[in-house]
Protein backbone atom coordinates (compact mmCIF):
# COMPACT_ATOMS: atom_id res chain seq x y z
CA MET A 1 -48.43 -63.56 86.33
CA ILE A 2 -48.33 -59.78 86.76
CA ASP A 3 -51.75 -58.24 86.22
CA LEU A 4 -50.62 -54.94 84.73
CA LEU A 5 -47.41 -53.56 83.28
CA VAL A 6 -47.26 -49.78 83.00
CA ALA A 7 -44.85 -48.12 80.59
CA GLY A 8 -43.93 -44.73 82.06
CA GLY A 9 -43.53 -43.42 85.61
CA GLY A 10 -45.07 -39.98 85.16
CA PRO A 11 -48.44 -38.91 86.62
CA ALA A 12 -50.49 -40.94 84.13
CA GLY A 13 -48.48 -44.11 84.66
CA LEU A 14 -48.30 -43.87 88.43
CA ALA A 15 -52.01 -43.02 88.69
CA THR A 16 -52.80 -46.10 86.59
CA ALA A 17 -50.68 -48.29 88.85
CA ILE A 18 -52.27 -46.82 91.99
CA HIS A 19 -55.79 -47.44 90.66
CA ALA A 20 -54.81 -51.00 89.83
CA ALA A 21 -53.31 -51.60 93.28
CA LEU A 22 -56.38 -50.15 94.98
CA HIS A 23 -58.42 -52.79 93.14
CA GLY A 24 -56.19 -55.64 94.21
CA MET A 25 -54.19 -55.93 90.99
CA GLU A 26 -50.43 -56.40 90.88
CA ALA A 27 -48.97 -53.48 88.94
CA VAL A 28 -45.36 -52.97 87.82
CA VAL A 29 -44.15 -49.64 86.40
CA ILE A 30 -41.29 -49.55 83.89
CA GLU A 31 -39.46 -46.20 83.89
CA PRO A 32 -35.99 -45.46 82.47
CA ARG A 33 -35.39 -42.22 84.39
CA PRO A 34 -34.50 -42.28 88.11
CA GLY A 35 -36.31 -40.11 90.65
CA PRO A 36 -39.36 -37.86 90.09
CA VAL A 37 -40.03 -37.40 86.38
CA ASP A 38 -39.95 -33.79 85.14
CA LYS A 39 -41.12 -32.41 81.80
CA ALA A 40 -42.32 -29.19 80.20
CA CYS A 41 -45.75 -28.71 81.72
CA GLY A 42 -48.07 -25.84 82.62
CA GLU A 43 -48.29 -27.40 86.12
CA GLY A 44 -51.87 -26.35 86.77
CA VAL A 45 -54.32 -29.02 87.95
CA MET A 46 -58.00 -28.22 87.49
CA PRO A 47 -60.44 -28.87 90.39
CA GLY A 48 -61.53 -32.18 88.88
CA GLY A 49 -57.92 -33.31 88.83
CA VAL A 50 -57.46 -32.28 92.47
CA ARG A 51 -60.46 -34.44 93.38
CA SER A 52 -59.01 -37.33 91.38
CA LEU A 53 -55.72 -37.06 93.26
CA ALA A 54 -57.52 -36.99 96.62
CA ALA A 55 -59.43 -40.15 95.65
CA LEU A 56 -56.04 -41.83 95.12
CA GLY A 57 -54.85 -40.67 98.54
CA VAL A 58 -52.47 -38.11 97.00
CA ARG A 59 -52.35 -34.51 98.28
CA PRO A 60 -49.20 -32.81 96.95
CA ALA A 61 -48.02 -29.45 98.25
CA GLY A 62 -48.61 -26.54 95.91
CA HIS A 63 -50.50 -23.29 95.49
CA ALA A 64 -54.31 -23.14 95.49
CA LEU A 65 -55.81 -21.78 92.26
CA ARG A 66 -59.06 -19.80 92.28
CA GLY A 67 -59.72 -19.64 88.55
CA ILE A 68 -58.48 -18.60 85.11
CA ARG A 69 -57.66 -15.13 83.80
CA TYR A 70 -57.06 -14.16 80.17
CA VAL A 71 -54.84 -11.12 79.53
CA ASP A 72 -54.08 -9.15 76.36
CA GLY A 73 -52.72 -5.64 76.95
CA PRO A 74 -55.46 -3.58 78.64
CA HIS A 75 -58.06 -6.33 78.20
CA ARG A 76 -58.83 -8.76 81.03
CA ALA A 77 -61.32 -11.60 81.46
CA GLU A 78 -61.43 -13.83 84.51
CA ALA A 79 -63.67 -16.41 86.12
CA GLU A 80 -63.41 -18.35 89.36
CA PHE A 81 -63.81 -22.10 89.57
CA ARG A 82 -67.25 -23.08 90.83
CA GLU A 83 -66.46 -26.57 92.08
CA GLY A 84 -63.53 -26.19 94.44
CA THR A 85 -60.02 -24.94 93.87
CA GLY A 86 -57.37 -26.04 91.44
CA LEU A 87 -53.74 -26.59 92.32
CA GLY A 88 -50.51 -25.21 90.93
CA VAL A 89 -47.87 -27.85 91.64
CA ARG A 90 -44.34 -28.48 90.39
CA ARG A 91 -44.25 -31.48 88.13
CA THR A 92 -41.51 -33.08 90.23
CA VAL A 93 -43.51 -32.53 93.43
CA LEU A 94 -46.57 -34.17 91.87
CA SER A 95 -44.53 -37.10 90.55
CA ALA A 96 -42.88 -37.62 93.94
CA ALA A 97 -46.24 -37.61 95.76
CA LEU A 98 -47.67 -40.17 93.34
CA ALA A 99 -44.53 -42.32 93.62
CA ARG A 100 -44.80 -42.35 97.43
CA ARG A 101 -48.43 -43.43 97.28
CA ALA A 102 -47.64 -46.14 94.74
CA ALA A 103 -44.86 -47.47 96.97
CA GLU A 104 -47.24 -47.53 99.96
CA LEU A 105 -49.55 -49.78 97.95
CA GLY A 106 -46.78 -52.16 96.93
CA VAL A 107 -46.34 -51.02 93.32
CA ARG A 108 -42.91 -51.96 91.97
CA VAL A 109 -40.99 -49.53 89.77
CA VAL A 110 -38.49 -51.29 87.50
CA PRO A 111 -35.73 -49.23 85.86
CA GLY A 112 -35.45 -49.78 82.14
CA LYS A 113 -37.10 -49.29 78.76
CA VAL A 114 -40.07 -51.20 77.45
CA GLY A 115 -38.50 -52.02 74.08
CA ASP A 116 -40.35 -54.60 71.98
CA VAL A 117 -43.93 -55.42 72.93
CA ARG A 118 -45.12 -58.94 72.16
CA GLN A 119 -48.71 -59.99 72.54
CA GLY A 120 -50.31 -63.40 72.82
CA ALA A 121 -53.82 -64.67 73.38
CA ASP A 122 -53.68 -64.20 77.15
CA ALA A 123 -50.58 -62.12 77.91
CA VAL A 124 -48.24 -59.36 76.79
CA SER A 125 -44.46 -59.30 77.22
CA ALA A 126 -42.19 -56.27 77.48
CA ALA A 127 -38.88 -55.39 79.20
CA GLY A 128 -38.38 -59.04 80.11
CA LEU A 129 -41.68 -59.17 82.02
CA ARG A 130 -44.97 -60.90 81.26
CA ALA A 131 -48.37 -59.57 82.26
CA ARG A 132 -52.03 -59.83 81.41
CA TRP A 133 -52.18 -56.22 80.22
CA LEU A 134 -49.90 -53.33 79.32
CA VAL A 135 -50.80 -49.66 79.73
CA ALA A 136 -48.65 -47.28 77.70
CA ALA A 137 -48.35 -44.03 79.64
CA ASP A 138 -45.04 -43.08 78.07
CA GLY A 139 -45.83 -39.53 77.09
CA LEU A 140 -46.47 -37.21 74.19
CA ARG A 141 -44.07 -38.99 71.82
CA SER A 142 -44.96 -42.47 73.08
CA PRO A 143 -42.52 -45.11 71.75
CA VAL A 144 -45.07 -47.87 72.44
CA ARG A 145 -47.75 -46.05 70.45
CA ARG A 146 -45.34 -45.55 67.56
CA ALA A 147 -44.19 -49.18 67.59
CA LEU A 148 -47.79 -50.38 67.44
CA GLY A 149 -48.51 -48.18 64.41
CA LEU A 150 -51.23 -46.18 66.19
CA GLU A 151 -50.08 -42.69 65.17
CA LEU A 152 -51.84 -40.61 62.52
CA PRO A 153 -50.29 -37.83 60.41
CA ASP A 154 -51.21 -34.22 61.17
CA ARG A 155 -50.84 -31.47 58.58
CA ARG A 156 -51.96 -28.59 60.78
CA PRO A 157 -49.45 -25.99 62.04
CA ARG A 158 -47.29 -27.61 64.72
CA ARG A 159 -47.19 -25.98 68.14
CA PHE A 160 -44.46 -26.24 70.75
CA GLY A 161 -44.18 -25.39 74.43
CA GLN A 162 -41.35 -24.21 76.68
CA ARG A 163 -41.36 -23.69 80.44
CA ARG A 164 -39.21 -21.95 83.05
CA HIS A 165 -39.64 -21.09 86.76
CA TYR A 166 -39.10 -17.78 88.52
CA ARG A 167 -38.35 -17.35 92.21
CA MET A 168 -40.84 -14.69 93.32
CA PRO A 169 -44.13 -14.45 95.24
CA PRO A 170 -47.13 -15.11 92.97
CA TRP A 171 -49.07 -11.94 92.19
CA SER A 172 -52.33 -13.82 91.68
CA ASP A 173 -54.23 -16.95 92.71
CA PHE A 174 -55.38 -17.34 89.10
CA VAL A 175 -53.80 -19.15 86.21
CA GLU A 176 -53.07 -16.36 83.75
CA VAL A 177 -53.07 -16.92 80.00
CA HIS A 178 -51.42 -13.98 78.21
CA TRP A 179 -52.28 -13.70 74.53
CA SER A 180 -50.39 -12.16 71.62
CA GLY A 181 -50.38 -12.53 67.86
CA GLY A 182 -47.41 -14.90 68.17
CA GLY A 183 -48.69 -17.31 70.82
CA GLU A 184 -49.62 -17.53 74.48
CA ALA A 185 -47.87 -17.42 77.84
CA TYR A 186 -49.34 -19.62 80.56
CA VAL A 187 -48.52 -18.42 84.10
CA THR A 188 -49.09 -20.69 87.11
CA PRO A 189 -48.20 -20.08 90.77
CA VAL A 190 -46.80 -23.39 92.02
CA ALA A 191 -45.59 -22.43 95.52
CA GLU A 192 -45.62 -19.43 97.84
CA ASP A 193 -42.36 -18.22 96.29
CA LEU A 194 -42.37 -19.81 92.82
CA VAL A 195 -44.11 -19.09 89.52
CA GLY A 196 -44.00 -21.26 86.39
CA VAL A 197 -44.27 -19.67 82.96
CA ALA A 198 -44.90 -21.73 79.82
CA VAL A 199 -44.89 -20.21 76.33
CA LEU A 200 -46.86 -21.86 73.51
CA SER A 201 -46.45 -21.06 69.83
CA THR A 202 -46.10 -22.37 66.30
CA ALA A 203 -42.79 -20.49 66.03
CA ARG A 204 -39.65 -22.31 67.19
CA ARG A 205 -37.73 -19.51 68.87
CA PRO A 206 -35.69 -19.14 72.08
CA TYR A 207 -37.73 -18.82 75.26
CA ASP A 208 -36.69 -15.22 75.92
CA THR A 209 -37.63 -14.23 72.37
CA HIS A 210 -41.11 -15.60 72.95
CA LEU A 211 -41.35 -13.81 76.29
CA GLY A 212 -40.55 -10.55 74.50
CA HIS A 213 -43.99 -10.73 72.87
CA PHE A 214 -45.50 -10.17 76.32
CA PRO A 215 -43.83 -6.94 77.55
CA GLU A 216 -46.07 -6.48 80.60
CA LEU A 217 -45.43 -10.04 81.76
CA ALA A 218 -41.70 -9.82 81.00
CA ALA A 219 -41.43 -6.63 83.06
CA ARG A 220 -43.17 -8.29 86.00
CA LEU A 221 -40.93 -11.34 85.80
CA GLY A 222 -37.91 -9.02 85.84
CA GLY A 223 -38.53 -8.66 89.58
CA GLY A 224 -37.85 -12.36 90.07
CA THR A 225 -34.98 -14.74 89.40
CA ALA A 226 -35.05 -17.55 86.84
CA VAL A 227 -34.35 -20.71 88.83
CA SER A 228 -34.86 -23.54 86.37
CA THR A 229 -33.58 -24.41 82.95
CA VAL A 230 -35.91 -24.07 79.99
CA ARG A 231 -37.66 -27.34 79.14
CA GLY A 232 -39.42 -27.85 75.83
CA ALA A 233 -42.07 -30.16 74.43
CA GLY A 234 -43.71 -30.71 71.07
CA PRO A 235 -45.15 -30.93 68.61
CA LEU A 236 -48.03 -30.73 71.06
CA ARG A 237 -50.82 -32.08 68.88
CA GLN A 238 -50.71 -35.88 68.59
CA ARG A 239 -53.34 -37.74 66.61
CA VAL A 240 -53.95 -41.37 67.47
CA ARG A 241 -55.76 -44.06 65.46
CA CYS A 242 -57.17 -45.78 68.53
CA ARG A 243 -56.34 -46.27 72.19
CA VAL A 244 -56.75 -50.04 72.44
CA ALA A 245 -54.56 -52.49 70.52
CA GLY A 246 -55.02 -56.04 71.70
CA ARG A 247 -53.76 -56.17 75.28
CA VAL A 248 -52.28 -52.66 75.18
CA LEU A 249 -54.15 -49.52 76.28
CA LEU A 250 -52.93 -45.93 75.84
CA VAL A 251 -53.30 -43.52 78.76
CA GLY A 252 -52.44 -39.86 79.35
CA ASP A 253 -50.62 -37.92 76.63
CA ALA A 254 -49.85 -41.19 74.84
CA ALA A 255 -53.58 -41.56 74.15
CA GLY A 256 -53.61 -38.41 72.02
CA TYR A 257 -53.19 -34.73 72.73
CA VAL A 258 -54.58 -31.47 71.39
CA ASP A 259 -52.74 -28.63 73.13
CA ALA A 260 -51.66 -27.31 76.53
CA LEU A 261 -53.66 -24.08 76.19
CA THR A 262 -56.58 -25.07 78.41
CA GLY A 263 -54.38 -26.68 81.06
CA GLU A 264 -56.26 -29.96 81.41
CA GLY A 265 -53.43 -32.36 80.63
CA VAL A 266 -52.93 -33.71 84.16
CA SER A 267 -56.66 -33.90 84.89
CA LEU A 268 -57.28 -35.87 81.69
CA ALA A 269 -54.34 -38.16 82.44
CA LEU A 270 -55.81 -38.99 85.84
CA ALA A 271 -59.28 -39.54 84.40
CA SER A 272 -58.00 -41.79 81.62
CA ALA A 273 -55.97 -43.82 84.13
CA GLU A 274 -59.08 -44.48 86.19
CA ALA A 275 -61.14 -45.34 83.10
CA ALA A 276 -58.53 -47.78 81.77
CA VAL A 277 -58.31 -49.72 85.04
CA ARG A 278 -62.10 -49.73 85.41
CA CYS A 279 -62.48 -51.28 81.95
CA LEU A 280 -59.80 -53.89 82.63
CA ARG A 281 -61.37 -54.82 85.95
CA ALA A 282 -64.71 -55.27 84.21
CA GLY A 283 -63.10 -57.54 81.61
CA ARG A 284 -64.06 -55.09 78.86
CA PRO A 285 -60.83 -53.51 77.59
CA GLY A 286 -62.48 -52.56 74.30
CA ALA A 287 -64.86 -50.27 76.21
CA TYR A 288 -61.94 -48.00 77.08
CA GLU A 289 -61.92 -46.40 73.62
CA ARG A 290 -65.46 -45.13 74.05
CA ALA A 291 -64.81 -44.13 77.66
CA TRP A 292 -61.76 -42.10 76.63
CA ARG A 293 -63.66 -40.31 73.88
CA ARG A 294 -66.47 -39.48 76.27
CA LEU A 295 -64.29 -38.14 79.09
CA SER A 296 -62.10 -36.07 76.74
CA ARG A 297 -64.73 -34.83 74.30
CA ARG A 298 -65.46 -31.44 75.87
CA HIS A 299 -61.77 -30.71 76.33
CA ARG A 300 -60.94 -31.68 72.75
CA LEU A 301 -63.68 -29.53 71.25
CA MET A 302 -62.89 -26.43 73.31
CA THR A 303 -59.14 -26.72 72.93
CA GLU A 304 -59.36 -27.31 69.18
CA ALA A 305 -61.50 -24.18 68.81
CA LEU A 306 -59.15 -22.00 70.86
CA VAL A 307 -56.04 -23.25 69.07
CA ARG A 308 -57.58 -22.63 65.65
CA VAL A 309 -58.28 -19.04 66.67
CA GLY A 310 -54.93 -18.57 68.41
CA CYS A 311 -52.86 -19.80 65.45
CA ARG A 312 -53.95 -16.82 63.36
CA PRO A 313 -52.66 -13.41 64.51
CA ASP A 314 -55.71 -11.59 63.15
CA THR A 315 -58.12 -13.70 65.21
CA ALA A 316 -55.93 -14.29 68.27
CA ARG A 317 -56.22 -10.60 69.14
CA LEU A 318 -60.00 -10.93 69.31
CA VAL A 319 -60.11 -13.65 72.00
CA VAL A 320 -59.58 -11.63 75.19
CA PRO A 321 -61.62 -8.55 74.16
CA ALA A 322 -64.50 -10.86 73.26
CA ALA A 323 -64.22 -12.75 76.55
CA ALA A 324 -64.10 -9.46 78.47
CA ARG A 325 -67.31 -8.26 76.79
CA MET A 326 -69.14 -11.52 77.62
CA PRO A 327 -68.28 -12.50 81.22
CA PRO A 328 -71.07 -15.11 81.51
CA VAL A 329 -69.85 -16.91 78.39
CA PHE A 330 -66.25 -16.91 79.62
CA ALA A 331 -67.36 -18.13 83.06
CA ALA A 332 -69.34 -20.95 81.43
CA ALA A 333 -66.27 -21.99 79.42
CA VAL A 334 -64.08 -22.05 82.54
CA HIS A 335 -66.74 -24.05 84.40
CA ALA A 336 -66.86 -26.56 81.54
CA LEU A 337 -63.12 -27.18 81.92
CA GLN A 338 -63.38 -28.14 85.59
């Protein structure tokens, strides 16, 4: 019998399969889309995530990141990472690097959709396959999570993200978060000649309309060439009842999501993948819920606080001036996100 089925061939799913293979488990990934999986993503990996990738034997090409900078008109606040560098990396490049490593370890990737999930006392069946466990790493709008009835309603303002790339040399080794009363723009250098720009907002407007709220950034991007189509994602916030349902564990965005503002999505996906496999190996799948809450707690608290402030135009304008007046506090916040 297969030890572990993984629904989803993105970073969270492939990292889960790699961890399983490294521990001698047979892992099979089910993914409907061929080739490297792309999606709307800020594409910044925090230093902790870079270390997690290295532990898996994965070192994708990208652009080294020194820290985080907040920008709002004349106001600036920045802090360097204290524990190594981050990495700006195209989502497709990251997915391809993880897929290569998984293949080296003998992980099979089966084309198809998971469909119905059936559980028994000692096995779970999906996509015509039977395994001891199933990890759902099928993204923000996880079909497996929905089918298992694990979603919770959310009455807060819904936020959405859109991303596009520009062919131009990066002007900074920092991730820049530009603030306005209407949302944020998240700028990440992902190669020596490529910059990714994601816009986040409660308003559902065309990408260029959003970009118009950041005139300084828009003027700078005018010196480059848009080289990718706009990809969108949302609603970003996803509330989840629990992350363990019988023989099914939720990993990555499927496990619940707050917002992309702090840029920890990939790092948390990698950490949750490792935690899920560790709990399965120990024969304690129920311990994963507590492990997930522990590893994501700081991120959830900080991101929730920032989003609450950012969703109100009157308070959003206070974020960067306040951070600029208190460099040690901003540096401590950046350090906490590593």
